[in-house]
Amino acid sequence: MGKRPILIGLTGNIACGKSTVARMLAEKGAYIIDADAIAHEVIRKGTPAYEAILRRFGEGILGPDGEIDRRRLGAIVFRDLNALRDLEAIVHPAVLVEIQRRIQACPEAPAIVIEAIKLIESGFARACDTLWVVTCSESEQVRRLMIERGLTEEEARVRIRAQPPQEEKIRHAHVIIDNSGDLEATRRQVEQAWREWIDPDATG
């Protein structure tokens, strides 16, 4: 049996490029656990979290298929911090249980990456061996949200400002990856961090 995988916590604010960095780490052989994808799964119709969200926010957040419409829900919680906290209190515990299950079931890998926007706030960062924070400029966040998610500029800025400033995440970071530039610039930073934390003998 090989040595225990290094547990990397990968975080960053909305549209900073966590998923881009996670894909690069997957190419290096890391096992990726996407907490945002898990959060989608744990609120599906019929789950305990689904029922709790419905009780808190009402049926107006449902789409025609009876599933939670995340854009409708987002329009509520990103304008009301109390509502956002209520939603997180419902969803986070279910997500953390599933993350733990996946860590236990992980195939052999040099590293396990937990990709999560609320990694620090949820307390899960403390369980990680190293915390990597992906950053980018606010103007680039806005541009990506408008292009990739079809948000208006106002909707994009509301979502960005509903989150703690990037500086708060950076304060906790062992590795900071600036994803404001092109992909090759980001890849060079990922390669450097991989050599430092996972594989000192790697050549690129």
N, C-alpha and C. Protein backbone atom coordinates (compact mmCIF):
# COMPACT_ATOMS: atom_id res chain seq x y z
N MET A 1 0.85 -1.19 0.00
CA MET A 1 0.00 0.00 0.00
C MET A 1 0.89 1.24 0.00
N GLY A 2 0.57 2.23 -0.86
CA GLY A 2 1.37 3.44 -0.97
C GLY A 2 1.11 4.39 0.18
N LYS A 3 1.87 5.48 0.18
CA LYS A 3 1.68 6.47 1.25
C LYS A 3 0.36 7.20 1.07
N ARG A 4 -0.11 7.81 2.15
CA ARG A 4 -1.38 8.53 2.11
C ARG A 4 -1.29 9.70 1.13
N PRO A 5 -2.33 9.90 0.31
CA PRO A 5 -2.31 11.05 -0.61
C PRO A 5 -2.26 12.37 0.16
N ILE A 6 -1.59 13.35 -0.42
CA ILE A 6 -1.63 14.72 0.12
C ILE A 6 -3.03 15.27 -0.12
N LEU A 7 -3.62 15.87 0.91
CA LEU A 7 -4.97 16.42 0.79
C LEU A 7 -4.85 17.93 0.52
N ILE A 8 -5.21 18.32 -0.71
CA ILE A 8 -5.15 19.72 -1.13
C ILE A 8 -6.54 20.33 -1.03
N GLY A 9 -6.65 21.42 -0.30
CA GLY A 9 -7.88 22.22 -0.33
C GLY A 9 -7.73 23.27 -1.41
N LEU A 10 -8.66 23.30 -2.36
CA LEU A 10 -8.59 24.24 -3.49
C LEU A 10 -9.81 25.15 -3.43
N THR A 11 -9.57 26.44 -3.26
CA THR A 11 -10.69 27.36 -3.13
C THR A 11 -10.39 28.66 -3.87
N GLY A 12 -11.36 29.55 -3.84
CA GLY A 12 -11.27 30.82 -4.55
C GLY A 12 -12.69 31.31 -4.77
N ASN A 13 -12.84 32.60 -4.97
CA ASN A 13 -14.18 33.14 -5.12
C ASN A 13 -14.78 32.82 -6.49
N ILE A 14 -16.03 33.17 -6.65
CA ILE A 14 -16.78 32.83 -7.85
C ILE A 14 -16.06 33.32 -9.12
N ALA A 15 -15.99 32.43 -10.11
CA ALA A 15 -15.43 32.74 -11.44
C ALA A 15 -13.94 33.08 -11.43
N CYS A 16 -13.24 32.67 -10.37
CA CYS A 16 -11.78 32.88 -10.34
C CYS A 16 -11.03 31.77 -11.08
N GLY A 17 -11.67 30.62 -11.27
CA GLY A 17 -11.03 29.57 -12.05
C GLY A 17 -10.59 28.35 -11.27
N LYS A 18 -11.29 28.04 -10.18
CA LYS A 18 -10.96 26.83 -9.41
C LYS A 18 -11.03 25.59 -10.28
N SER A 19 -12.07 25.51 -11.10
CA SER A 19 -12.26 24.31 -11.93
C SER A 19 -11.16 24.16 -12.97
N THR A 20 -10.68 25.27 -13.49
CA THR A 20 -9.56 25.24 -14.43
C THR A 20 -8.32 24.65 -13.77
N VAL A 21 -8.04 25.12 -12.56
CA VAL A 21 -6.88 24.61 -11.83
C VAL A 21 -7.09 23.14 -11.45
N ALA A 22 -8.32 22.79 -11.06
CA ALA A 22 -8.61 21.39 -10.72
C ALA A 22 -8.36 20.47 -11.91
N ARG A 23 -8.75 20.91 -13.10
CA ARG A 23 -8.51 20.08 -14.31
C ARG A 23 -7.01 19.87 -14.53
N MET A 24 -6.23 20.92 -14.30
CA MET A 24 -4.77 20.79 -14.46
C MET A 24 -4.20 19.81 -13.44
N LEU A 25 -4.73 19.85 -12.22
CA LEU A 25 -4.27 18.91 -11.19
C LEU A 25 -4.70 17.48 -11.51
N ALA A 26 -5.88 17.33 -12.10
CA ALA A 26 -6.34 16.00 -12.51
C ALA A 26 -5.40 15.42 -13.56
N GLU A 27 -4.92 16.28 -14.46
CA GLU A 27 -3.96 15.82 -15.48
C GLU A 27 -2.66 15.32 -14.84
N LYS A 28 -2.34 15.82 -13.65
CA LYS A 28 -1.14 15.38 -12.94
C LYS A 28 -1.39 14.09 -12.16
N GLY A 29 -2.64 13.63 -12.13
CA GLY A 29 -2.94 12.38 -11.43
C GLY A 29 -3.71 12.56 -10.14
N ALA A 30 -4.08 13.80 -9.81
CA ALA A 30 -4.83 14.04 -8.57
C ALA A 30 -6.27 13.55 -8.72
N TYR A 31 -6.85 13.14 -7.60
CA TYR A 31 -8.26 12.71 -7.53
C TYR A 31 -9.06 13.93 -7.07
N ILE A 32 -10.03 14.37 -7.88
CA ILE A 32 -10.75 15.61 -7.63
C ILE A 32 -12.11 15.33 -6.99
N ILE A 33 -12.39 16.04 -5.91
CA ILE A 33 -13.70 16.01 -5.28
C ILE A 33 -14.28 17.42 -5.41
N ASP A 34 -15.32 17.55 -6.22
CA ASP A 34 -15.92 18.86 -6.53
C ASP A 34 -17.10 19.10 -5.60
N ALA A 35 -16.90 19.96 -4.59
CA ALA A 35 -17.95 20.19 -3.60
C ALA A 35 -19.16 20.88 -4.20
N ASP A 36 -18.97 21.71 -5.23
CA ASP A 36 -20.09 22.39 -5.86
C ASP A 36 -20.99 21.37 -6.57
N ALA A 37 -20.36 20.41 -7.25
CA ALA A 37 -21.14 19.35 -7.90
C ALA A 37 -21.89 18.51 -6.87
N ILE A 38 -21.23 18.23 -5.73
CA ILE A 38 -21.89 17.48 -4.66
C ILE A 38 -23.08 18.28 -4.12
N ALA A 39 -22.90 19.61 -3.99
CA ALA A 39 -23.99 20.45 -3.50
C ALA A 39 -25.20 20.37 -4.41
N HIS A 40 -24.98 20.22 -5.72
CA HIS A 40 -26.11 20.04 -6.65
C HIS A 40 -26.82 18.72 -6.35
N GLU A 41 -26.03 17.68 -6.09
CA GLU A 41 -26.60 16.34 -5.86
C GLU A 41 -27.42 16.28 -4.58
N VAL A 42 -26.93 16.92 -3.51
CA VAL A 42 -27.59 16.76 -2.21
C VAL A 42 -28.88 17.58 -2.09
N ILE A 43 -29.16 18.45 -3.08
CA ILE A 43 -30.42 19.21 -3.04
C ILE A 43 -31.43 18.72 -4.08
N ARG A 44 -31.15 17.55 -4.66
CA ARG A 44 -32.10 17.02 -5.65
C ARG A 44 -33.41 16.61 -4.98
N LYS A 45 -34.45 16.59 -5.78
CA LYS A 45 -35.80 16.26 -5.29
C LYS A 45 -35.77 14.94 -4.52
N GLY A 46 -36.38 14.96 -3.34
CA GLY A 46 -36.47 13.75 -2.53
C GLY A 46 -35.41 13.63 -1.45
N THR A 47 -34.39 14.50 -1.50
CA THR A 47 -33.35 14.45 -0.46
C THR A 47 -33.81 15.26 0.76
N PRO A 48 -33.23 14.99 1.93
CA PRO A 48 -33.57 15.78 3.11
C PRO A 48 -33.27 17.28 2.93
N ALA A 49 -32.16 17.60 2.24
CA ALA A 49 -31.81 19.01 2.03
C ALA A 49 -32.85 19.70 1.13
N TYR A 50 -33.33 18.99 0.12
CA TYR A 50 -34.37 19.54 -0.77
C TYR A 50 -35.58 19.94 0.05
N GLU A 51 -36.03 19.03 0.91
CA GLU A 51 -37.22 19.30 1.73
C GLU A 51 -36.99 20.48 2.66
N ALA A 52 -35.80 20.56 3.25
CA ALA A 52 -35.49 21.66 4.17
C ALA A 52 -35.44 23.00 3.44
N ILE A 53 -34.87 23.01 2.24
CA ILE A 53 -34.79 24.25 1.44
C ILE A 53 -36.19 24.71 1.06
N LEU A 54 -37.04 23.76 0.70
CA LEU A 54 -38.41 24.09 0.32
C LEU A 54 -39.17 24.71 1.49
N ARG A 55 -38.97 24.14 2.67
CA ARG A 55 -39.63 24.69 3.87
C ARG A 55 -39.16 26.12 4.14
N ARG A 56 -37.87 26.39 3.89
CA ARG A 56 -37.32 27.72 4.20
C ARG A 56 -37.67 28.75 3.12
N PHE A 57 -37.65 28.35 1.85
CA PHE A 57 -37.76 29.33 0.77
C PHE A 57 -39.07 29.26 -0.03
N GLY A 58 -39.84 28.21 0.15
CA GLY A 58 -41.12 28.11 -0.55
C GLY A 58 -41.01 27.53 -1.95
N GLU A 59 -42.15 27.24 -2.54
CA GLU A 59 -42.17 26.55 -3.84
C GLU A 59 -41.85 27.46 -5.02
N GLY A 60 -41.73 28.76 -4.77
CA GLY A 60 -41.39 29.68 -5.85
C GLY A 60 -40.00 29.47 -6.42
N ILE A 61 -39.17 28.68 -5.72
CA ILE A 61 -37.79 28.43 -6.20
C ILE A 61 -37.73 27.19 -7.11
N LEU A 62 -38.87 26.53 -7.32
CA LEU A 62 -38.86 25.30 -8.11
C LEU A 62 -39.01 25.60 -9.60
N GLY A 63 -38.35 24.77 -10.41
CA GLY A 63 -38.53 24.83 -11.84
C GLY A 63 -39.71 23.96 -12.25
N PRO A 64 -40.03 23.92 -13.55
CA PRO A 64 -41.17 23.14 -14.04
C PRO A 64 -41.05 21.64 -13.73
N ASP A 65 -39.82 21.15 -13.56
CA ASP A 65 -39.61 19.72 -13.30
C ASP A 65 -39.68 19.38 -11.81
N GLY A 66 -39.96 20.38 -10.98
CA GLY A 66 -40.05 20.13 -9.54
C GLY A 66 -38.71 20.17 -8.83
N GLU A 67 -37.63 20.32 -9.60
CA GLU A 67 -36.30 20.46 -8.99
C GLU A 67 -36.07 21.92 -8.60
N ILE A 68 -35.13 22.15 -7.69
CA ILE A 68 -34.79 23.51 -7.29
C ILE A 68 -34.11 24.22 -8.46
N ASP A 69 -34.63 25.37 -8.82
CA ASP A 69 -34.04 26.20 -9.87
C ASP A 69 -32.97 27.06 -9.20
N ARG A 70 -31.71 26.73 -9.44
CA ARG A 70 -30.62 27.37 -8.71
C ARG A 70 -30.50 28.86 -9.04
N ARG A 71 -30.94 29.26 -10.23
CA ARG A 71 -30.89 30.69 -10.55
C ARG A 71 -31.93 31.45 -9.72
N ARG A 72 -33.13 30.87 -9.58
CA ARG A 72 -34.16 31.53 -8.75
C ARG A 72 -33.72 31.59 -7.29
N LEU A 73 -33.16 30.49 -6.82
CA LEU A 73 -32.68 30.46 -5.44
C LEU A 73 -31.54 31.46 -5.25
N GLY A 74 -30.64 31.51 -6.22
CA GLY A 74 -29.52 32.43 -6.16
C GLY A 74 -29.95 33.89 -6.12
N ALA A 75 -31.02 34.21 -6.85
CA ALA A 75 -31.53 35.58 -6.87
C ALA A 75 -31.98 36.02 -5.47
N ILE A 76 -32.40 35.06 -4.65
CA ILE A 76 -32.81 35.36 -3.27
C ILE A 76 -31.59 35.45 -2.36
N VAL A 77 -30.78 34.41 -2.36
CA VAL A 77 -29.74 34.32 -1.32
C VAL A 77 -28.56 35.26 -1.55
N PHE A 78 -28.29 35.63 -2.81
CA PHE A 78 -27.16 36.52 -3.04
C PHE A 78 -27.50 37.98 -2.74
N ARG A 79 -28.77 38.26 -2.43
CA ARG A 79 -29.17 39.62 -2.03
C ARG A 79 -29.53 39.69 -0.55
N ASP A 80 -29.44 38.57 0.15
CA ASP A 80 -29.86 38.52 1.55
C ASP A 80 -28.91 37.58 2.30
N LEU A 81 -27.99 38.17 3.07
CA LEU A 81 -26.96 37.35 3.73
C LEU A 81 -27.55 36.37 4.73
N ASN A 82 -28.65 36.74 5.38
CA ASN A 82 -29.29 35.80 6.32
C ASN A 82 -29.84 34.59 5.58
N ALA A 83 -30.44 34.84 4.41
CA ALA A 83 -30.96 33.74 3.60
C ALA A 83 -29.81 32.84 3.12
N LEU A 84 -28.70 33.46 2.75
CA LEU A 84 -27.54 32.68 2.30
C LEU A 84 -27.01 31.80 3.43
N ARG A 85 -26.94 32.37 4.63
CA ARG A 85 -26.47 31.58 5.79
C ARG A 85 -27.43 30.42 6.07
N ASP A 86 -28.73 30.68 5.96
CA ASP A 86 -29.71 29.61 6.18
C ASP A 86 -29.53 28.48 5.17
N LEU A 87 -29.31 28.87 3.91
CA LEU A 87 -29.11 27.86 2.86
C LEU A 87 -27.85 27.04 3.14
N GLU A 88 -26.77 27.72 3.50
CA GLU A 88 -25.51 27.02 3.77
C GLU A 88 -25.63 26.09 4.96
N ALA A 89 -26.40 26.49 5.97
CA ALA A 89 -26.59 25.64 7.15
C ALA A 89 -27.32 24.35 6.80
N ILE A 90 -28.12 24.39 5.74
CA ILE A 90 -28.83 23.19 5.28
C ILE A 90 -27.91 22.32 4.42
N VAL A 91 -27.19 22.97 3.51
CA VAL A 91 -26.45 22.22 2.48
C VAL A 91 -25.08 21.73 2.96
N HIS A 92 -24.34 22.56 3.70
CA HIS A 92 -22.96 22.22 4.05
C HIS A 92 -22.81 20.88 4.78
N PRO A 93 -23.62 20.59 5.80
CA PRO A 93 -23.43 19.31 6.49
C PRO A 93 -23.56 18.10 5.56
N ALA A 94 -24.53 18.15 4.66
CA ALA A 94 -24.73 17.03 3.72
C ALA A 94 -23.54 16.91 2.77
N VAL A 95 -23.00 18.04 2.35
CA VAL A 95 -21.84 18.04 1.45
C VAL A 95 -20.61 17.46 2.16
N LEU A 96 -20.40 17.85 3.41
CA LEU A 96 -19.22 17.38 4.15
C LEU A 96 -19.26 15.87 4.37
N VAL A 97 -20.46 15.33 4.63
CA VAL A 97 -20.59 13.87 4.79
C VAL A 97 -20.17 13.15 3.51
N GLU A 98 -20.62 13.70 2.36
CA GLU A 98 -20.29 13.06 1.08
C GLU A 98 -18.81 13.22 0.74
N ILE A 99 -18.22 14.35 1.07
CA ILE A 99 -16.78 14.54 0.85
C ILE A 99 -15.98 13.49 1.63
N GLN A 100 -16.34 13.31 2.89
CA GLN A 100 -15.65 12.31 3.72
C GLN A 100 -15.78 10.91 3.12
N ARG A 101 -16.97 10.61 2.62
CA ARG A 101 -17.19 9.28 2.03
C ARG A 101 -16.27 9.09 0.82
N ARG A 102 -16.15 10.13 -0.02
CA ARG A 102 -15.33 10.02 -1.22
C ARG A 102 -13.84 9.95 -0.89
N ILE A 103 -13.41 10.65 0.16
CA ILE A 103 -12.01 10.54 0.58
C ILE A 103 -11.70 9.10 0.97
N GLN A 104 -12.59 8.50 1.74
CA GLN A 104 -12.39 7.12 2.19
C GLN A 104 -12.36 6.14 1.01
N ALA A 105 -13.15 6.45 -0.04
CA ALA A 105 -13.25 5.54 -1.19
C ALA A 105 -12.26 5.87 -2.30
N CYS A 106 -11.37 6.83 -2.07
CA CYS A 106 -10.48 7.31 -3.12
C CYS A 106 -9.56 6.20 -3.63
N PRO A 107 -9.45 6.07 -4.95
CA PRO A 107 -8.44 5.16 -5.50
C PRO A 107 -7.05 5.71 -5.22
N GLU A 108 -6.02 4.89 -5.42
CA GLU A 108 -4.66 5.36 -5.13
C GLU A 108 -4.32 6.54 -6.02
N ALA A 109 -3.83 7.62 -5.40
CA ALA A 109 -3.49 8.84 -6.13
C ALA A 109 -2.45 9.61 -5.32
N PRO A 110 -1.62 10.43 -5.99
CA PRO A 110 -0.62 11.20 -5.24
C PRO A 110 -1.24 12.31 -4.39
N ALA A 111 -2.43 12.76 -4.82
CA ALA A 111 -3.09 13.85 -4.09
C ALA A 111 -4.60 13.74 -4.27
N ILE A 112 -5.33 14.18 -3.25
CA ILE A 112 -6.77 14.35 -3.33
C ILE A 112 -7.03 15.85 -3.25
N VAL A 113 -7.80 16.36 -4.21
CA VAL A 113 -8.12 17.79 -4.24
C VAL A 113 -9.58 17.97 -3.88
N ILE A 114 -9.83 18.76 -2.82
CA ILE A 114 -11.20 19.12 -2.48
C ILE A 114 -11.42 20.54 -2.99
N GLU A 115 -12.21 20.64 -4.05
CA GLU A 115 -12.48 21.93 -4.68
C GLU A 115 -13.78 22.47 -4.11
N ALA A 116 -13.71 23.60 -3.40
CA ALA A 116 -14.91 24.13 -2.73
C ALA A 116 -14.79 25.63 -2.53
N ILE A 117 -15.84 26.34 -2.88
CA ILE A 117 -15.82 27.80 -2.71
C ILE A 117 -15.85 28.19 -1.24
N LYS A 118 -16.50 27.36 -0.40
CA LYS A 118 -16.63 27.67 1.04
C LYS A 118 -15.73 26.76 1.88
N LEU A 119 -14.61 26.40 1.36
CA LEU A 119 -13.72 25.45 2.05
C LEU A 119 -13.26 25.98 3.41
N ILE A 120 -12.91 27.25 3.46
CA ILE A 120 -12.42 27.84 4.71
C ILE A 120 -13.58 28.06 5.67
N GLU A 121 -14.66 28.67 5.14
CA GLU A 121 -15.80 29.02 5.99
C GLU A 121 -16.47 27.79 6.61
N SER A 122 -16.46 26.69 5.88
CA SER A 122 -17.10 25.46 6.38
C SER A 122 -16.25 24.74 7.42
N GLY A 123 -14.98 25.16 7.55
CA GLY A 123 -14.09 24.53 8.51
C GLY A 123 -13.33 23.34 7.94
N PHE A 124 -13.66 22.93 6.72
CA PHE A 124 -13.03 21.74 6.16
C PHE A 124 -11.57 21.98 5.78
N ALA A 125 -11.20 23.24 5.59
CA ALA A 125 -9.80 23.54 5.22
C ALA A 125 -8.83 23.05 6.29
N ARG A 126 -9.30 23.03 7.54
CA ARG A 126 -8.41 22.61 8.63
C ARG A 126 -8.00 21.14 8.51
N ALA A 127 -8.78 20.36 7.77
CA ALA A 127 -8.45 18.94 7.58
C ALA A 127 -7.47 18.72 6.43
N CYS A 128 -7.20 19.79 5.66
CA CYS A 128 -6.33 19.65 4.49
C CYS A 128 -4.87 19.84 4.87
N ASP A 129 -3.99 19.19 4.10
CA ASP A 129 -2.55 19.33 4.32
C ASP A 129 -2.04 20.67 3.82
N THR A 130 -2.67 21.18 2.77
CA THR A 130 -2.24 22.43 2.16
C THR A 130 -3.44 23.11 1.52
N LEU A 131 -3.48 24.44 1.59
CA LEU A 131 -4.62 25.19 1.06
C LEU A 131 -4.15 26.05 -0.11
N TRP A 132 -4.76 25.83 -1.27
CA TRP A 132 -4.43 26.57 -2.49
C TRP A 132 -5.59 27.49 -2.83
N VAL A 133 -5.30 28.77 -3.05
CA VAL A 133 -6.34 29.75 -3.36
C VAL A 133 -6.11 30.29 -4.77
N VAL A 134 -7.17 30.22 -5.59
CA VAL A 134 -7.13 30.74 -6.95
C VAL A 134 -7.74 32.14 -6.94
N THR A 135 -7.04 33.11 -7.51
CA THR A 135 -7.51 34.49 -7.52
C THR A 135 -7.59 35.00 -8.96
N CYS A 136 -8.33 36.09 -9.13
CA CYS A 136 -8.26 36.86 -10.37
C CYS A 136 -8.89 38.23 -10.11
N SER A 137 -8.76 39.13 -11.07
CA SER A 137 -9.28 40.48 -10.90
C SER A 137 -10.81 40.46 -10.94
N GLU A 138 -11.43 41.45 -10.29
CA GLU A 138 -12.90 41.50 -10.28
C GLU A 138 -13.45 41.72 -11.69
N SER A 139 -12.76 42.52 -12.49
CA SER A 139 -13.25 42.76 -13.86
C SER A 139 -13.29 41.45 -14.64
N GLU A 140 -12.31 40.58 -14.41
CA GLU A 140 -12.28 39.28 -15.10
C GLU A 140 -13.38 38.37 -14.55
N GLN A 141 -13.64 38.43 -13.24
CA GLN A 141 -14.76 37.66 -12.67
C GLN A 141 -16.07 38.05 -13.34
N VAL A 142 -16.30 39.36 -13.47
CA VAL A 142 -17.54 39.87 -14.08
C VAL A 142 -17.64 39.38 -15.52
N ARG A 143 -16.55 39.52 -16.26
CA ARG A 143 -16.56 39.11 -17.68
C ARG A 143 -16.91 37.63 -17.81
N ARG A 144 -16.29 36.79 -16.98
CA ARG A 144 -16.55 35.34 -17.06
C ARG A 144 -17.99 35.00 -16.70
N LEU A 145 -18.52 35.64 -15.65
CA LEU A 145 -19.90 35.35 -15.24
C LEU A 145 -20.89 35.76 -16.33
N MET A 146 -20.62 36.86 -17.00
CA MET A 146 -21.52 37.31 -18.07
C MET A 146 -21.46 36.36 -19.27
N ILE A 147 -20.24 35.93 -19.62
CA ILE A 147 -20.08 35.06 -20.80
C ILE A 147 -20.50 33.62 -20.50
N GLU A 148 -20.02 33.08 -19.37
CA GLU A 148 -20.20 31.65 -19.11
C GLU A 148 -21.54 31.32 -18.47
N ARG A 149 -22.11 32.25 -17.70
CA ARG A 149 -23.36 31.95 -16.99
C ARG A 149 -24.53 32.81 -17.44
N GLY A 150 -24.28 33.70 -18.38
CA GLY A 150 -25.37 34.50 -18.93
C GLY A 150 -25.93 35.53 -17.97
N LEU A 151 -25.14 35.95 -16.99
CA LEU A 151 -25.62 36.95 -16.04
C LEU A 151 -25.45 38.35 -16.61
N THR A 152 -26.28 39.27 -16.13
CA THR A 152 -26.06 40.68 -16.45
C THR A 152 -24.88 41.16 -15.61
N GLU A 153 -24.35 42.33 -15.96
CA GLU A 153 -23.23 42.87 -15.17
C GLU A 153 -23.66 43.09 -13.72
N GLU A 154 -24.89 43.59 -13.51
CA GLU A 154 -25.37 43.82 -12.15
C GLU A 154 -25.48 42.51 -11.37
N GLU A 155 -26.06 41.48 -12.01
CA GLU A 155 -26.17 40.17 -11.34
C GLU A 155 -24.79 39.63 -10.97
N ALA A 156 -23.83 39.80 -11.88
CA ALA A 156 -22.47 39.32 -11.63
C ALA A 156 -21.86 40.03 -10.43
N ARG A 157 -22.00 41.34 -10.38
CA ARG A 157 -21.40 42.10 -9.27
C ARG A 157 -22.08 41.79 -7.94
N VAL A 158 -23.40 41.55 -7.96
CA VAL A 158 -24.11 41.18 -6.74
C VAL A 158 -23.54 39.87 -6.19
N ARG A 159 -23.31 38.89 -7.06
CA ARG A 159 -22.80 37.59 -6.63
C ARG A 159 -21.37 37.71 -6.11
N ILE A 160 -20.57 38.49 -6.78
CA ILE A 160 -19.18 38.67 -6.34
C ILE A 160 -19.14 39.32 -4.96
N ARG A 161 -19.97 40.34 -4.76
CA ARG A 161 -19.91 41.11 -3.50
C ARG A 161 -20.65 40.43 -2.36
N ALA A 162 -21.40 39.37 -2.67
CA ALA A 162 -22.03 38.59 -1.61
C ALA A 162 -21.02 37.70 -0.90
N GLN A 163 -19.83 37.58 -1.50
CA GLN A 163 -18.80 36.71 -0.93
C GLN A 163 -17.78 37.53 -0.14
N PRO A 164 -17.12 36.89 0.83
CA PRO A 164 -16.03 37.59 1.52
C PRO A 164 -14.97 38.01 0.51
N PRO A 165 -14.25 39.10 0.77
CA PRO A 165 -13.19 39.54 -0.15
C PRO A 165 -12.16 38.43 -0.37
N GLN A 166 -11.57 38.41 -1.57
CA GLN A 166 -10.55 37.41 -1.89
C GLN A 166 -9.40 37.44 -0.88
N GLU A 167 -9.11 38.63 -0.35
CA GLU A 167 -7.99 38.78 0.59
C GLU A 167 -8.15 37.88 1.82
N GLU A 168 -9.41 37.65 2.22
CA GLU A 168 -9.64 36.80 3.39
C GLU A 168 -9.20 35.37 3.14
N LYS A 169 -9.44 34.87 1.92
CA LYS A 169 -8.97 33.53 1.57
C LYS A 169 -7.45 33.50 1.44
N ILE A 170 -6.91 34.53 0.81
CA ILE A 170 -5.46 34.60 0.56
C ILE A 170 -4.68 34.53 1.87
N ARG A 171 -5.24 35.13 2.93
CA ARG A 171 -4.58 35.13 4.24
C ARG A 171 -4.28 33.73 4.75
N HIS A 172 -5.12 32.76 4.37
CA HIS A 172 -4.97 31.39 4.86
C HIS A 172 -4.13 30.50 3.92
N ALA A 173 -3.77 31.03 2.75
CA ALA A 173 -3.23 30.19 1.67
C ALA A 173 -1.78 29.78 1.88
N HIS A 174 -1.48 28.52 1.53
CA HIS A 174 -0.09 28.08 1.36
C HIS A 174 0.38 28.38 -0.06
N VAL A 175 -0.56 28.31 -1.02
CA VAL A 175 -0.25 28.54 -2.43
C VAL A 175 -1.30 29.50 -2.98
N ILE A 176 -0.85 30.53 -3.71
CA ILE A 176 -1.77 31.46 -4.38
C ILE A 176 -1.53 31.34 -5.88
N ILE A 177 -2.60 31.06 -6.61
CA ILE A 177 -2.51 30.93 -8.07
C ILE A 177 -3.34 32.05 -8.69
N ASP A 178 -2.66 32.97 -9.38
CA ASP A 178 -3.34 34.10 -10.03
C ASP A 178 -3.79 33.65 -11.42
N ASN A 179 -5.10 33.56 -11.59
CA ASN A 179 -5.67 33.08 -12.84
C ASN A 179 -6.25 34.22 -13.67
N SER A 180 -5.69 35.43 -13.53
CA SER A 180 -6.18 36.58 -14.31
C SER A 180 -5.69 36.54 -15.74
N GLY A 181 -4.58 35.85 -15.97
CA GLY A 181 -3.95 35.87 -17.29
C GLY A 181 -4.35 34.69 -18.15
N ASP A 182 -3.43 34.27 -19.03
CA ASP A 182 -3.77 33.17 -19.94
C ASP A 182 -3.52 31.81 -19.26
N LEU A 183 -3.99 30.76 -19.92
CA LEU A 183 -3.93 29.43 -19.33
C LEU A 183 -2.50 28.97 -19.07
N GLU A 184 -1.59 29.35 -19.95
CA GLU A 184 -0.20 28.89 -19.77
C GLU A 184 0.42 29.52 -18.52
N ALA A 185 0.07 30.76 -18.24
CA ALA A 185 0.58 31.41 -17.02
C ALA A 185 0.05 30.69 -15.79
N THR A 186 -1.22 30.30 -15.85
CA THR A 186 -1.82 29.55 -14.74
C THR A 186 -1.16 28.19 -14.60
N ARG A 187 -0.95 27.52 -15.72
CA ARG A 187 -0.35 26.18 -15.69
C ARG A 187 1.05 26.21 -15.08
N ARG A 188 1.82 27.24 -15.39
CA ARG A 188 3.17 27.33 -14.82
C ARG A 188 3.11 27.41 -13.29
N GLN A 189 2.14 28.16 -12.78
CA GLN A 189 1.99 28.27 -11.32
C GLN A 189 1.56 26.94 -10.70
N VAL A 190 0.67 26.21 -11.39
CA VAL A 190 0.23 24.90 -10.91
C VAL A 190 1.40 23.92 -10.89
N GLU A 191 2.19 23.93 -11.95
CA GLU A 191 3.37 23.04 -12.02
C GLU A 191 4.33 23.32 -10.86
N GLN A 192 4.55 24.60 -10.59
CA GLN A 192 5.47 24.98 -9.52
C GLN A 192 4.95 24.49 -8.16
N ALA A 193 3.65 24.68 -7.92
CA ALA A 193 3.05 24.27 -6.65
C ALA A 193 3.06 22.74 -6.52
N TRP A 194 2.83 22.04 -7.63
CA TRP A 194 2.85 20.57 -7.61
C TRP A 194 4.24 20.08 -7.23
N ARG A 195 5.28 20.70 -7.81
CA ARG A 195 6.65 20.29 -7.48
C ARG A 195 6.94 20.55 -6.00
N GLU A 196 6.46 21.67 -5.52
CA GLU A 196 6.75 22.06 -4.13
C GLU A 196 6.06 21.14 -3.12
N TRP A 197 4.80 20.78 -3.41
CA TRP A 197 3.99 20.09 -2.40
C TRP A 197 3.81 18.60 -2.64
N ILE A 198 3.84 18.17 -3.90
CA ILE A 198 3.47 16.79 -4.20
C ILE A 198 4.64 15.97 -4.72
N ASP A 199 5.37 16.51 -5.68
CA ASP A 199 6.38 15.72 -6.37
C ASP A 199 7.62 16.56 -6.64
N PRO A 200 8.52 16.64 -5.67
CA PRO A 200 9.73 17.47 -5.84
C PRO A 200 10.60 17.06 -7.02
N ASP A 201 10.44 15.81 -7.48
CA ASP A 201 11.27 15.31 -8.58
C ASP A 201 10.67 15.58 -9.95
N ALA A 202 9.43 16.16 -9.98
CA ALA A 202 8.77 16.40 -11.26
C ALA A 202 9.56 17.43 -12.07
N THR A 203 9.56 17.24 -13.37
CA THR A 203 10.28 18.17 -14.25
C THR A 203 9.34 19.04 -15.05
N GLY A 204 8.00 18.90 -14.85
CA GLY A 204 7.05 19.72 -15.58
C GLY A 204 5.95 18.91 -16.13
